Every structure is written in structure tokens, then in C-alpha cells.
PDB file of N, CA and C in Angstrom:
ATOM      1  N   UNK A   1      14.090  11.706  13.953  1.00  0.00           N
ATOM      2  CA  UNK A   1      15.340  11.042  13.717  1.00  0.00           C
ATOM      3  C   UNK A   1      15.432  10.687  12.227  1.00  0.00           C
ATOM      4  N   UNK A   2      16.635  10.800  11.683  1.00  0.00           N
ATOM      5  CA  UNK A   2      16.858  10.473  10.277  1.00  0.00           C
ATOM      6  C   UNK A   2      17.847   9.315  10.189  1.00  0.00           C
ATOM      7  N   UNK A   3      17.480   8.294   9.443  1.00  0.00           N
ATOM      8  CA  UNK A   3      18.385   7.185   9.147  1.00  0.00           C
ATOM      9  C   UNK A   3      18.842   7.336   7.705  1.00  0.00           C
ATOM     10  N   UNK A   4      20.111   7.037   7.450  1.00  0.00           N
ATOM     11  CA  UNK A   4      20.686   7.177   6.112  1.00  0.00           C
ATOM     12  C   UNK A   4      21.242   5.825   5.686  1.00  0.00           C
ATOM     13  N   UNK A   5      20.953   5.459   4.437  1.00  0.00           N
ATOM     14  CA  UNK A   5      21.350   4.164   3.915  1.00  0.00           C
ATOM     15  C   UNK A   5      22.084   4.316   2.582  1.00  0.00           C
ATOM     16  N   UNK A   6      23.083   3.485   2.370  1.00  0.00           N
ATOM     17  CA  UNK A   6      23.761   3.382   1.084  1.00  0.00           C
ATOM     18  C   UNK A   6      23.055   2.290   0.295  1.00  0.00           C
ATOM     19  N   UNK A   7      22.699   2.586  -0.962  1.00  0.00           N
ATOM     20  CA  UNK A   7      21.976   1.608  -1.782  1.00  0.00           C
ATOM     21  C   UNK A   7      22.654   1.476  -3.148  1.00  0.00           C
ATOM     22  N   UNK A   8      22.121   0.562  -3.941  1.00  0.00           N
ATOM     23  CA  UNK A   8      22.558   0.434  -5.332  1.00  0.00           C
ATOM     24  C   UNK A   8      21.422   0.772  -6.298  1.00  0.00           C
ATOM     25  N   UNK A   9      20.438   1.512  -5.827  1.00  0.00           N
ATOM     26  CA  UNK A   9      19.306   1.927  -6.659  1.00  0.00           C
ATOM     27  C   UNK A   9      19.824   2.903  -7.719  1.00  0.00           C
ATOM     28  N   UNK A  10      19.417   2.717  -8.968  1.00  0.00           N
ATOM     29  CA  UNK A  10      19.951   3.515 -10.073  1.00  0.00           C
ATOM     30  C   UNK A  10      18.933   4.436 -10.734  1.00  0.00           C
ATOM     31  N   UNK A  11      17.663   4.041 -10.744  1.00  0.00           N
ATOM     32  CA  UNK A  11      16.681   4.765 -11.548  1.00  0.00           C
ATOM     33  C   UNK A  11      15.568   5.359 -10.689  1.00  0.00           C
ATOM     34  N   UNK A  12      15.052   6.475 -11.185  1.00  0.00           N
ATOM     35  CA  UNK A  12      13.948   7.163 -10.515  1.00  0.00           C
ATOM     36  C   UNK A  12      12.718   6.260 -10.375  1.00  0.00           C
ATOM     37  N   UNK A  13      12.447   5.448 -11.385  1.00  0.00           N
ATOM     38  CA  UNK A  13      11.287   4.552 -11.315  1.00  0.00           C
ATOM     39  C   UNK A  13      11.441   3.551 -10.175  1.00  0.00           C
ATOM     40  N   UNK A  14      12.672   3.119  -9.918  1.00  0.00           N
ATOM     41  CA  UNK A  14      12.918   2.205  -8.807  1.00  0.00           C
ATOM     42  C   UNK A  14      12.678   2.910  -7.471  1.00  0.00           C
ATOM     43  N   UNK A  15      13.090   4.158  -7.378  1.00  0.00           N
ATOM     44  CA  UNK A  15      12.889   4.893  -6.121  1.00  0.00           C
ATOM     45  C   UNK A  15      11.408   5.047  -5.815  1.00  0.00           C
ATOM     46  N   UNK A  16      10.625   5.347  -6.834  1.00  0.00           N
ATOM     47  CA  UNK A  16       9.183   5.514  -6.627  1.00  0.00           C
ATOM     48  C   UNK A  16       8.549   4.229  -6.102  1.00  0.00           C
ATOM     49  N   UNK A  17       8.949   3.100  -6.657  1.00  0.00           N
ATOM     50  CA  UNK A  17       8.411   1.810  -6.222  1.00  0.00           C
ATOM     51  C   UNK A  17       8.828   1.514  -4.777  1.00  0.00           C
ATOM     52  N   UNK A  18      10.104   1.708  -4.465  1.00  0.00           N
ATOM     53  CA  UNK A  18      10.601   1.439  -3.113  1.00  0.00           C
ATOM     54  C   UNK A  18       9.899   2.321  -2.091  1.00  0.00           C
ATOM     55  N   UNK A  19       9.752   3.592  -2.397  1.00  0.00           N
ATOM     56  CA  UNK A  19       9.061   4.511  -1.483  1.00  0.00           C
ATOM     57  C   UNK A  19       7.624   4.051  -1.254  1.00  0.00           C
ATOM     58  N   UNK A  20       6.939   3.634  -2.306  1.00  0.00           N
ATOM     59  CA  UNK A  20       5.558   3.164  -2.170  1.00  0.00           C
ATOM     60  C   UNK A  20       5.481   1.930  -1.276  1.00  0.00           C
ATOM     61  N   UNK A  21       6.421   1.009  -1.434  1.00  0.00           N
ATOM     62  CA  UNK A  21       6.435  -0.210  -0.617  1.00  0.00           C
ATOM     63  C   UNK A  21       6.641   0.138   0.855  1.00  0.00           C
ATOM     64  N   UNK A  22       7.596   0.999   1.138  1.00  0.00           N
ATOM     65  CA  UNK A  22       7.876   1.371   2.530  1.00  0.00           C
ATOM     66  C   UNK A  22       6.708   2.146   3.130  1.00  0.00           C
ATOM     67  N   UNK A  23       6.127   3.050   2.360  1.00  0.00           N
ATOM     68  CA  UNK A  23       5.023   3.875   2.881  1.00  0.00           C
ATOM     69  C   UNK A  23       3.755   3.064   3.138  1.00  0.00           C
ATOM     70  N   UNK A  24       3.587   1.936   2.470  1.00  0.00           N
ATOM     71  CA  UNK A  24       2.433   1.075   2.780  1.00  0.00           C
ATOM     72  C   UNK A  24       2.493   0.596   4.220  1.00  0.00           C
ATOM     73  N   UNK A  25       3.672   0.238   4.664  1.00  0.00           N
ATOM     74  CA  UNK A  25       3.847  -0.246   6.034  1.00  0.00           C
ATOM     75  C   UNK A  25       4.013   0.897   7.034  1.00  0.00           C
ATOM     76  N   UNK A  26       4.665   1.980   6.591  1.00  0.00           N
ATOM     77  CA  UNK A  26       4.986   3.095   7.485  1.00  0.00           C
ATOM     78  C   UNK A  26       4.554   4.413   6.831  1.00  0.00           C
ATOM     79  N   UNK A  27       3.264   4.711   6.818  1.00  0.00           N
ATOM     80  CA  UNK A  27       2.762   5.879   6.088  1.00  0.00           C
ATOM     81  C   UNK A  27       3.254   7.226   6.620  1.00  0.00           C
ATOM     82  N   UNK A  28       3.737   7.288   7.844  1.00  0.00           N
ATOM     83  CA  UNK A  28       4.183   8.562   8.401  1.00  0.00           C
ATOM     84  C   UNK A  28       5.655   8.865   8.101  1.00  0.00           C
ATOM     85  N   UNK A  29       6.372   7.895   7.562  1.00  0.00           N
ATOM     86  CA  UNK A  29       7.793   8.107   7.262  1.00  0.00           C
ATOM     87  C   UNK A  29       7.947   9.106   6.125  1.00  0.00           C
ATOM     88  N   UNK A  30       8.949   9.971   6.243  1.00  0.00           N
ATOM     89  CA  UNK A  30       9.358  10.847   5.139  1.00  0.00           C
ATOM     90  C   UNK A  30      10.564  10.175   4.492  1.00  0.00           C
ATOM     91  N   UNK A  31      10.460   9.894   3.206  1.00  0.00           N
ATOM     92  CA  UNK A  31      11.472   9.092   2.521  1.00  0.00           C
ATOM     93  C   UNK A  31      11.917   9.801   1.259  1.00  0.00           C
ATOM     94  N   UNK A  32      13.228   9.814   1.023  1.00  0.00           N
ATOM     95  CA  UNK A  32      13.725  10.342  -0.241  1.00  0.00           C
ATOM     96  C   UNK A  32      15.051   9.696  -0.600  1.00  0.00           C
ATOM     97  N   UNK A  33      15.385   9.762  -1.871  1.00  0.00           N
ATOM     98  CA  UNK A  33      16.636   9.238  -2.398  1.00  0.00           C
ATOM     99  C   UNK A  33      17.469  10.382  -2.948  1.00  0.00           C
ATOM    100  N   UNK A  34      18.772  10.208  -2.898  1.00  0.00           N
ATOM    101  CA  UNK A  34      19.704  11.106  -3.573  1.00  0.00           C
ATOM    102  C   UNK A  34      20.530  10.252  -4.525  1.00  0.00           C
ATOM    103  N   UNK A  35      20.030  10.109  -5.748  1.00  0.00           N
ATOM    104  CA  UNK A  35      20.715   9.279  -6.734  1.00  0.00           C
ATOM    105  C   UNK A  35      21.939   9.971  -7.313  1.00  0.00           C
ATOM    106  N   UNK A  36      22.075  11.260  -7.077  1.00  0.00           N
ATOM    107  CA  UNK A  36      23.262  11.990  -7.538  1.00  0.00           C
ATOM    108  C   UNK A  36      24.477  11.655  -6.675  1.00  0.00           C
ATOM    109  N   UNK A  37      24.265  11.271  -5.444  1.00  0.00           N
ATOM    110  CA  UNK A  37      25.348  10.903  -4.538  1.00  0.00           C
ATOM    111  C   UNK A  37      25.951   9.572  -4.992  1.00  0.00           C
ATOM    112  N   UNK A  38      27.265   9.419  -4.834  1.00  0.00           N
ATOM    113  CA  UNK A  38      27.921   8.184  -5.273  1.00  0.00           C
ATOM    114  C   UNK A  38      27.416   6.963  -4.513  1.00  0.00           C
ATOM    115  N   UNK A  39      26.848   7.158  -3.313  1.00  0.00           N
ATOM    116  CA  UNK A  39      26.316   6.054  -2.512  1.00  0.00           C
ATOM    117  C   UNK A  39      24.821   5.819  -2.716  1.00  0.00           C
ATOM    118  N   UNK A  40      24.214   6.557  -3.654  1.00  0.00           N
ATOM    119  CA  UNK A  40      22.769   6.396  -3.943  1.00  0.00           C
ATOM    120  C   UNK A  40      21.974   6.380  -2.642  1.00  0.00           C
ATOM    121  N   UNK A  41      22.058   7.472  -1.921  1.00  0.00           N
ATOM    122  CA  UNK A  41      21.555   7.591  -0.549  1.00  0.00           C
ATOM    123  C   UNK A  41      20.025   7.510  -0.462  1.00  0.00           C
ATOM    124  N   UNK A  42      19.572   6.741   0.509  1.00  0.00           N
ATOM    125  CA  UNK A  42      18.164   6.692   0.915  1.00  0.00           C
ATOM    126  C   UNK A  42      18.097   7.305   2.305  1.00  0.00           C
ATOM    127  N   UNK A  43      17.225   8.296   2.480  1.00  0.00           N
ATOM    128  CA  UNK A  43      17.013   8.916   3.794  1.00  0.00           C
ATOM    129  C   UNK A  43      15.590   8.621   4.250  1.00  0.00           C
ATOM    130  N   UNK A  44      15.480   8.224   5.506  1.00  0.00           N
ATOM    131  CA  UNK A  44      14.179   7.938   6.099  1.00  0.00           C
ATOM    132  C   UNK A  44      14.081   8.739   7.389  1.00  0.00           C
ATOM    133  N   UNK A  45      13.064   9.590   7.467  1.00  0.00           N
ATOM    134  CA  UNK A  45      12.843  10.400   8.655  1.00  0.00           C
ATOM    135  C   UNK A  45      11.572   9.924   9.354  1.00  0.00           C
ATOM    136  N   UNK A  46      11.696   9.658  10.655  1.00  0.00           N
ATOM    137  CA  UNK A  46      10.560   9.208  11.455  1.00  0.00           C
ATOM    138  C   UNK A  46      10.917   9.360  12.926  1.00  0.00           C
ATOM    139  N   UNK A  47       9.912   9.244  13.779  1.00  0.00           N
ATOM    140  CA  UNK A  47      10.180   9.328  15.211  1.00  0.00           C
ATOM    141  C   UNK A  47      11.105   8.199  15.651  1.00  0.00           C
ATOM    142  N   UNK A  48      10.798   6.992  15.240  1.00  0.00           N
ATOM    143  CA  UNK A  48      11.626   5.828  15.550  1.00  0.00           C
ATOM    144  C   UNK A  48      11.690   4.934  14.317  1.00  0.00           C
ATOM    145  N   UNK A  49      12.515   5.277  13.340  1.00  0.00           N
ATOM    146  CA  UNK A  49      12.572   4.467  12.123  1.00  0.00           C
ATOM    147  C   UNK A  49      13.077   3.057  12.405  1.00  0.00           C
ATOM    148  N   UNK A  50      12.418   2.104  11.826  1.00  0.00           N
ATOM    149  CA  UNK A  50      12.816   0.710  11.987  1.00  0.00           C
ATOM    150  C   UNK A  50      13.792   0.371  10.860  1.00  0.00           C
ATOM    151  N   UNK A  51      15.062   0.726  11.071  1.00  0.00           N
ATOM    152  CA  UNK A  51      16.052   0.644  10.007  1.00  0.00           C
ATOM    153  C   UNK A  51      16.264  -0.778   9.519  1.00  0.00           C
ATOM    154  N   UNK A  52      16.169  -1.760  10.415  1.00  0.00           N
ATOM    155  CA  UNK A  52      16.373  -3.143   9.981  1.00  0.00           C
ATOM    156  C   UNK A  52      15.271  -3.597   9.027  1.00  0.00           C
ATOM    157  N   UNK A  53      14.062  -3.103   9.209  1.00  0.00           N
ATOM    158  CA  UNK A  53      12.960  -3.426   8.306  1.00  0.00           C
ATOM    159  C   UNK A  53      13.190  -2.788   6.940  1.00  0.00           C
ATOM    160  N   UNK A  54      13.701  -1.572   6.916  1.00  0.00           N
ATOM    161  CA  UNK A  54      14.002  -0.885   5.659  1.00  0.00           C
ATOM    162  C   UNK A  54      15.041  -1.683   4.872  1.00  0.00           C
ATOM    163  N   UNK A  55      16.099  -2.114   5.552  1.00  0.00           N
ATOM    164  CA  UNK A  55      17.146  -2.915   4.909  1.00  0.00           C
ATOM    165  C   UNK A  55      16.545  -4.199   4.350  1.00  0.00           C
ATOM    166  N   UNK A  56      15.714  -4.868   5.135  1.00  0.00           N
ATOM    167  CA  UNK A  56      15.074  -6.106   4.683  1.00  0.00           C
ATOM    168  C   UNK A  56      14.197  -5.875   3.453  1.00  0.00           C
ATOM    169  N   UNK A  57      13.411  -4.798   3.454  1.00  0.00           N
ATOM    170  CA  UNK A  57      12.547  -4.491   2.312  1.00  0.00           C
ATOM    171  C   UNK A  57      13.373  -4.350   1.035  1.00  0.00           C
ATOM    172  N   UNK A  58      14.422  -3.548   1.086  1.00  0.00           N
ATOM    173  CA  UNK A  58      15.230  -3.336  -0.107  1.00  0.00           C
ATOM    174  C   UNK A  58      15.926  -4.613  -0.543  1.00  0.00           C
ATOM    175  N   UNK A  59      16.441  -5.373   0.405  1.00  0.00           N
ATOM    176  CA  UNK A  59      17.082  -6.638   0.060  1.00  0.00           C
ATOM    177  C   UNK A  59      16.095  -7.602  -0.601  1.00  0.00           C
ATOM    178  N   UNK A  60      14.884  -7.675  -0.069  1.00  0.00           N
ATOM    179  CA  UNK A  60      13.860  -8.549  -0.652  1.00  0.00           C
ATOM    180  C   UNK A  60      13.431  -8.098  -2.042  1.00  0.00           C
ATOM    181  N   UNK A  61      13.581  -6.793  -2.324  1.00  0.00           N
ATOM    182  CA  UNK A  61      13.259  -6.273  -3.655  1.00  0.00           C
ATOM    183  C   UNK A  61      14.440  -6.410  -4.617  1.00  0.00           C
ATOM    184  N   UNK A  62      15.547  -6.964  -4.124  1.00  0.00           N
ATOM    185  CA  UNK A  62      16.703  -7.212  -4.974  1.00  0.00           C
ATOM    186  C   UNK A  62      17.739  -6.111  -4.985  1.00  0.00           C
ATOM    187  N   UNK A  63      17.671  -5.201  -4.021  1.00  0.00           N
ATOM    188  CA  UNK A  63      18.617  -4.099  -3.943  1.00  0.00           C
ATOM    189  C   UNK A  63      19.536  -4.257  -2.755  1.00  0.00           C
ATOM    190  N   UNK A  64      20.706  -3.684  -2.859  1.00  0.00           N
ATOM    191  CA  UNK A  64      21.640  -3.620  -1.744  1.00  0.00           C
ATOM    192  C   UNK A  64      21.259  -2.416  -0.888  1.00  0.00           C
ATOM    193  N   UNK A  65      21.332  -2.585   0.425  1.00  0.00           N
ATOM    194  CA  UNK A  65      21.000  -1.491   1.337  1.00  0.00           C
ATOM    195  C   UNK A  65      21.778  -1.684   2.624  1.00  0.00           C
ATOM    196  N   UNK A  66      22.577  -0.679   2.976  1.00  0.00           N
ATOM    197  CA  UNK A  66      23.390  -0.734   4.188  1.00  0.00           C
ATOM    198  C   UNK A  66      23.180   0.555   4.969  1.00  0.00           C
ATOM    199  N   UNK A  67      22.893   0.416   6.224  1.00  0.00           N
ATOM    200  CA  UNK A  67      22.709   1.580   7.098  1.00  0.00           C
ATOM    201  C   UNK A  67      24.051   2.255   7.335  1.00  0.00           C
ATOM    202  N   UNK A  68      24.095   3.556   7.163  1.00  0.00           N
ATOM    203  CA  UNK A  68      25.295   4.332   7.457  1.00  0.00           C
ATOM    204  C   UNK A  68      25.179   4.892   8.859  1.00  0.00           C
ATOM    205  N   UNK A  69      26.230   4.762   9.633  1.00  0.00           N
ATOM    206  CA  UNK A  69      26.192   5.236  11.021  1.00  0.00           C
ATOM    207  C   UNK A  69      27.015   6.479  11.196  1.00  0.00           C
TER     208      UNK A  69
END
């Protein structure tokens, strides 16, 4: 299953940090950003992604993150 999120992440260095934080808790998740997209998309692929935890992580790091349905 793939969850897609709209974020306000702007820089590649920020994406690397966010991915590292998420992978510490969920090492099996496949995570990537599309900063070229106007919504600065974060994609998380996993069997059962815990999307609310992903949103909380980004919010706690000072970023906006909204799950797209």
C-alpha cells in the first residue's frame, strides 16, 4: 500500500533527514519525496503504513504534512 502526503519540505537535505527519522522507527518502509511537484509530495510504501505517525513526525520536525486521499 502507498500513502501520499502533501508537505512543505523544500530542500533535499530536509528530505534526507526526514527519511532517516521515519526509517529509524519503520525500517521496512520505502520512502521518497517529489520536490518537483507543487505539493512537495512524500510517498510511503509499506504493508500497513501508519500514516498518522508519519504526519506526527513531520509536524514535530516543524513541517506541514497532510495525507492525500
